[in-house]
Amino acid sequence: MAFNGTEGDPITIAQGAALTANFRAAYPMQIKARFFGRELLEDILRQTNAKGIRFYFGLSTNNELELVICAADQNENDILGIVGDLSVPCPTRCGIRNSLNS
């Protein structure tokens, strides 16, 4: 099956809150989230044939959860021109408490 750029669906805040709460309960000492700036995301999506962004889970040398991101094409292959990480972790930069991060 090929990617067409419409993959994924919105979920409710309640569904998202339940998913993130389950993660925090299972991994209480782990990073809750990672932030990537718009510029990097747009650069990744502007690559030729990009249909979306794939998020890989990674683990840093100090055992913190990381996300490594890259574009993927319609054939479900990674595009390795621009690969992102060096995202901003939550904690320590989470913004105000809400149902996804508390």
N, C-alpha and C. Protein backbone atom coordinates (compact mmCIF):
# COMPACT_ATOMS: atom_id res chain seq x y z
N MET A 1 0.85 -1.18 0.00
CA MET A 1 0.00 0.00 0.00
C MET A 1 0.89 1.24 0.00
N ALA A 2 0.52 2.25 -0.72
CA ALA A 2 1.33 3.45 -0.84
C ALA A 2 0.81 4.56 0.07
N PHE A 3 1.73 5.43 0.51
CA PHE A 3 1.33 6.64 1.23
C PHE A 3 0.78 7.65 0.23
N ASN A 4 -0.26 8.39 0.63
CA ASN A 4 -0.80 9.43 -0.23
C ASN A 4 -0.81 10.80 0.43
N GLY A 5 -0.33 10.88 1.67
CA GLY A 5 -0.29 12.15 2.37
C GLY A 5 -1.50 12.43 3.24
N THR A 6 -2.47 11.51 3.26
CA THR A 6 -3.65 11.72 4.09
C THR A 6 -3.69 10.77 5.29
N GLU A 7 -2.60 10.04 5.54
CA GLU A 7 -2.57 9.06 6.62
C GLU A 7 -2.69 9.75 7.98
N GLY A 8 -3.27 9.04 8.91
CA GLY A 8 -3.47 9.57 10.26
C GLY A 8 -4.84 10.23 10.35
N ASP A 9 -5.37 10.26 11.53
CA ASP A 9 -6.67 10.88 11.77
C ASP A 9 -6.61 11.69 13.05
N PRO A 10 -7.42 12.72 13.14
CA PRO A 10 -7.50 13.45 14.40
C PRO A 10 -8.12 12.57 15.48
N ILE A 11 -7.75 12.83 16.72
CA ILE A 11 -8.38 12.17 17.86
C ILE A 11 -8.87 13.24 18.80
N THR A 12 -9.71 12.86 19.74
CA THR A 12 -10.20 13.84 20.71
C THR A 12 -9.11 14.14 21.74
N ILE A 13 -9.27 15.22 22.42
CA ILE A 13 -8.35 15.55 23.51
C ILE A 13 -8.41 14.46 24.58
N ALA A 14 -9.60 13.94 24.84
CA ALA A 14 -9.74 12.88 25.84
C ALA A 14 -8.96 11.62 25.42
N GLN A 15 -9.02 11.27 24.15
CA GLN A 15 -8.25 10.11 23.67
C GLN A 15 -6.75 10.37 23.80
N GLY A 16 -6.32 11.55 23.41
CA GLY A 16 -4.91 11.90 23.54
C GLY A 16 -4.46 11.92 24.99
N ALA A 17 -5.32 12.46 25.87
CA ALA A 17 -5.00 12.50 27.30
C ALA A 17 -4.86 11.09 27.87
N ALA A 18 -5.73 10.18 27.45
CA ALA A 18 -5.65 8.80 27.93
C ALA A 18 -4.36 8.13 27.46
N LEU A 19 -4.00 8.33 26.20
CA LEU A 19 -2.77 7.74 25.67
C LEU A 19 -1.53 8.28 26.40
N THR A 20 -1.47 9.59 26.60
CA THR A 20 -0.30 10.15 27.26
C THR A 20 -0.27 9.79 28.75
N ALA A 21 -1.44 9.68 29.37
CA ALA A 21 -1.49 9.26 30.78
C ALA A 21 -0.99 7.83 30.92
N ASN A 22 -1.38 6.95 30.00
CA ASN A 22 -0.91 5.57 30.03
C ASN A 22 0.62 5.52 29.92
N PHE A 23 1.17 6.33 29.03
CA PHE A 23 2.62 6.36 28.86
C PHE A 23 3.30 6.86 30.13
N ARG A 24 2.79 7.95 30.71
CA ARG A 24 3.41 8.50 31.92
C ARG A 24 3.33 7.51 33.08
N ALA A 25 2.24 6.75 33.17
CA ALA A 25 2.11 5.75 34.23
C ALA A 25 3.11 4.61 34.03
N ALA A 26 3.31 4.20 32.79
CA ALA A 26 4.23 3.10 32.50
C ALA A 26 5.69 3.51 32.60
N TYR A 27 5.97 4.77 32.29
CA TYR A 27 7.36 5.27 32.25
C TYR A 27 7.45 6.61 32.98
N PRO A 28 7.28 6.59 34.30
CA PRO A 28 7.19 7.85 35.05
C PRO A 28 8.46 8.70 35.03
N MET A 29 9.60 8.14 34.77
CA MET A 29 10.85 8.91 34.79
C MET A 29 11.31 9.28 33.38
N GLN A 30 10.51 9.02 32.38
CA GLN A 30 10.90 9.25 31.00
C GLN A 30 10.44 10.62 30.51
N ILE A 31 11.06 11.11 29.46
CA ILE A 31 10.63 12.34 28.80
C ILE A 31 9.17 12.17 28.37
N LYS A 32 8.33 13.21 28.56
CA LYS A 32 6.92 13.13 28.18
C LYS A 32 6.69 13.47 26.72
N ALA A 33 7.48 14.37 26.20
CA ALA A 33 7.23 14.87 24.85
C ALA A 33 8.51 15.50 24.30
N ARG A 34 8.49 15.75 23.02
CA ARG A 34 9.59 16.44 22.33
C ARG A 34 8.97 17.49 21.43
N PHE A 35 9.62 18.64 21.34
CA PHE A 35 9.13 19.73 20.48
C PHE A 35 10.09 19.94 19.32
N PHE A 36 9.53 19.98 18.10
CA PHE A 36 10.28 20.33 16.89
C PHE A 36 9.70 21.62 16.35
N GLY A 37 10.57 22.54 15.98
CA GLY A 37 10.12 23.81 15.42
C GLY A 37 9.57 23.67 14.01
N ARG A 38 8.74 24.60 13.66
CA ARG A 38 8.06 24.62 12.36
C ARG A 38 9.05 24.62 11.20
N GLU A 39 10.15 25.37 11.33
CA GLU A 39 11.11 25.49 10.24
C GLU A 39 11.67 24.12 9.84
N LEU A 40 12.09 23.33 10.83
CA LEU A 40 12.62 22.00 10.53
C LEU A 40 11.54 21.12 9.90
N LEU A 41 10.33 21.13 10.46
CA LEU A 41 9.26 20.30 9.93
C LEU A 41 8.93 20.68 8.48
N GLU A 42 8.88 21.98 8.21
CA GLU A 42 8.60 22.42 6.84
C GLU A 42 9.73 22.06 5.89
N ASP A 43 10.98 22.17 6.35
CA ASP A 43 12.12 21.77 5.52
C ASP A 43 12.04 20.29 5.16
N ILE A 44 11.67 19.46 6.14
CA ILE A 44 11.54 18.03 5.88
C ILE A 44 10.42 17.77 4.89
N LEU A 45 9.29 18.43 5.06
CA LEU A 45 8.15 18.21 4.17
C LEU A 45 8.35 18.78 2.77
N ARG A 46 9.22 19.77 2.63
CA ARG A 46 9.48 20.38 1.32
C ARG A 46 10.37 19.51 0.42
N GLN A 47 10.95 18.47 0.97
CA GLN A 47 11.80 17.62 0.16
C GLN A 47 10.98 16.96 -0.96
N THR A 48 11.62 16.77 -2.09
CA THR A 48 10.96 16.17 -3.24
C THR A 48 10.35 14.81 -2.86
N ASN A 49 9.09 14.63 -3.22
CA ASN A 49 8.33 13.39 -3.02
C ASN A 49 7.91 13.11 -1.59
N ALA A 50 8.11 14.05 -0.67
CA ALA A 50 7.69 13.83 0.72
C ALA A 50 6.17 13.79 0.82
N LYS A 51 5.65 12.75 1.44
CA LYS A 51 4.21 12.62 1.68
C LYS A 51 3.87 12.82 3.15
N GLY A 52 4.86 12.84 4.01
CA GLY A 52 4.63 13.00 5.43
C GLY A 52 5.92 12.82 6.19
N ILE A 53 5.80 12.74 7.50
CA ILE A 53 6.97 12.60 8.37
C ILE A 53 6.84 11.31 9.15
N ARG A 54 7.94 10.56 9.19
CA ARG A 54 8.00 9.35 10.01
C ARG A 54 8.78 9.69 11.28
N PHE A 55 8.28 9.21 12.40
CA PHE A 55 8.90 9.43 13.71
C PHE A 55 9.46 8.11 14.21
N TYR A 56 10.76 8.06 14.39
CA TYR A 56 11.40 6.87 14.97
C TYR A 56 11.66 7.13 16.45
N PHE A 57 11.46 6.12 17.27
CA PHE A 57 11.82 6.21 18.68
C PHE A 57 13.30 5.90 18.82
N GLY A 58 13.95 6.66 19.68
CA GLY A 58 15.36 6.42 19.95
C GLY A 58 15.62 6.57 21.44
N LEU A 59 16.80 6.18 21.85
CA LEU A 59 17.19 6.28 23.24
C LEU A 59 18.58 6.90 23.29
N SER A 60 18.71 7.99 24.03
CA SER A 60 19.99 8.68 24.13
C SER A 60 20.96 7.88 25.00
N THR A 61 22.20 8.33 25.03
CA THR A 61 23.20 7.65 25.85
C THR A 61 22.89 7.74 27.34
N ASN A 62 22.07 8.72 27.75
CA ASN A 62 21.67 8.79 29.16
C ASN A 62 20.24 8.27 29.36
N ASN A 63 19.80 7.39 28.43
CA ASN A 63 18.51 6.69 28.51
C ASN A 63 17.28 7.59 28.48
N GLU A 64 17.35 8.72 27.79
CA GLU A 64 16.18 9.56 27.57
C GLU A 64 15.56 9.21 26.23
N LEU A 65 14.22 9.19 26.22
CA LEU A 65 13.49 8.92 24.99
C LEU A 65 13.75 10.04 23.99
N GLU A 66 14.07 9.67 22.77
CA GLU A 66 14.31 10.62 21.68
C GLU A 66 13.38 10.30 20.53
N LEU A 67 13.14 11.28 19.67
CA LEU A 67 12.46 11.06 18.41
C LEU A 67 13.40 11.47 17.30
N VAL A 68 13.54 10.63 16.31
CA VAL A 68 14.32 10.93 15.12
C VAL A 68 13.30 10.99 13.98
N ILE A 69 13.30 12.10 13.23
CA ILE A 69 12.27 12.28 12.22
C ILE A 69 12.88 12.41 10.83
N CYS A 70 12.12 11.93 9.85
CA CYS A 70 12.52 12.06 8.45
C CYS A 70 11.25 12.03 7.60
N ALA A 71 11.37 12.47 6.38
CA ALA A 71 10.26 12.38 5.44
C ALA A 71 10.14 10.96 4.92
N ALA A 72 8.95 10.63 4.44
CA ALA A 72 8.73 9.36 3.75
C ALA A 72 8.00 9.64 2.45
N ASP A 73 8.30 8.84 1.43
CA ASP A 73 7.69 9.04 0.12
C ASP A 73 6.46 8.15 -0.06
N GLN A 74 5.83 8.24 -1.23
CA GLN A 74 4.59 7.50 -1.47
C GLN A 74 4.79 5.99 -1.44
N ASN A 75 6.01 5.53 -1.63
CA ASN A 75 6.30 4.10 -1.58
C ASN A 75 6.66 3.62 -0.19
N GLU A 76 6.45 4.48 0.80
CA GLU A 76 6.70 4.20 2.21
C GLU A 76 8.18 4.12 2.56
N ASN A 77 9.02 4.68 1.69
CA ASN A 77 10.47 4.70 1.92
C ASN A 77 10.88 6.00 2.59
N ASP A 78 11.84 5.91 3.50
CA ASP A 78 12.38 7.10 4.14
C ASP A 78 13.15 7.94 3.14
N ILE A 79 13.05 9.25 3.28
CA ILE A 79 13.86 10.20 2.53
C ILE A 79 14.89 10.72 3.51
N LEU A 80 16.15 10.44 3.28
CA LEU A 80 17.18 10.73 4.27
C LEU A 80 17.98 11.99 3.97
N GLY A 81 17.39 12.92 3.23
CA GLY A 81 18.08 14.17 2.96
C GLY A 81 18.21 15.04 4.20
N ILE A 82 17.10 15.24 4.90
CA ILE A 82 17.08 15.99 6.16
C ILE A 82 16.50 15.07 7.22
N VAL A 83 17.28 14.81 8.25
CA VAL A 83 16.84 13.98 9.37
C VAL A 83 16.90 14.86 10.61
N GLY A 84 15.87 14.83 11.43
CA GLY A 84 15.81 15.72 12.57
C GLY A 84 15.87 15.02 13.90
N ASP A 85 16.49 15.70 14.85
CA ASP A 85 16.44 15.37 16.27
C ASP A 85 16.77 16.68 16.97
N LEU A 86 17.52 16.63 18.02
CA LEU A 86 17.86 17.83 18.80
C LEU A 86 16.61 18.62 19.13
N SER A 87 15.56 17.90 19.46
CA SER A 87 14.30 18.53 19.84
C SER A 87 14.36 18.98 21.29
N VAL A 88 13.38 19.74 21.68
CA VAL A 88 13.31 20.31 23.03
C VAL A 88 12.47 19.37 23.91
N PRO A 89 13.03 18.88 25.03
CA PRO A 89 12.30 17.91 25.85
C PRO A 89 11.31 18.56 26.82
N CYS A 90 10.28 17.78 27.12
CA CYS A 90 9.32 18.09 28.18
C CYS A 90 9.29 16.88 29.10
N PRO A 91 9.66 16.99 30.36
CA PRO A 91 10.21 18.19 30.95
C PRO A 91 11.62 18.46 30.42
N THR A 92 12.01 19.57 30.36
CA THR A 92 11.88 20.72 31.22
C THR A 92 11.06 21.85 30.61
N ARG A 93 10.80 21.78 29.33
CA ARG A 93 10.05 22.86 28.68
C ARG A 93 8.72 22.31 28.18
N CYS A 94 7.72 22.32 29.08
CA CYS A 94 6.42 21.72 28.79
C CYS A 94 5.29 22.72 28.59
N GLY A 95 5.49 23.97 28.91
CA GLY A 95 4.37 24.91 28.87
C GLY A 95 3.46 24.70 30.08
N ILE A 96 2.28 25.28 30.03
CA ILE A 96 1.37 25.16 31.17
C ILE A 96 0.80 23.75 31.24
N ARG A 97 0.44 23.32 32.43
CA ARG A 97 -0.11 21.99 32.64
C ARG A 97 -1.44 21.86 31.89
N ASN A 98 -1.62 20.71 31.25
CA ASN A 98 -2.87 20.43 30.55
C ASN A 98 -3.11 18.92 30.56
N SER A 99 -4.17 18.47 29.94
CA SER A 99 -4.53 17.06 30.01
C SER A 99 -3.54 16.15 29.26
N LEU A 100 -2.71 16.70 28.39
CA LEU A 100 -1.73 15.87 27.69
C LEU A 100 -0.40 15.74 28.44
N ASN A 101 -0.07 16.72 29.29
CA ASN A 101 1.27 16.70 29.89
C ASN A 101 1.28 16.61 31.41
N SER A 102 0.13 16.47 32.06
CA SER A 102 0.14 16.46 33.53
C SER A 102 -0.34 15.15 34.10
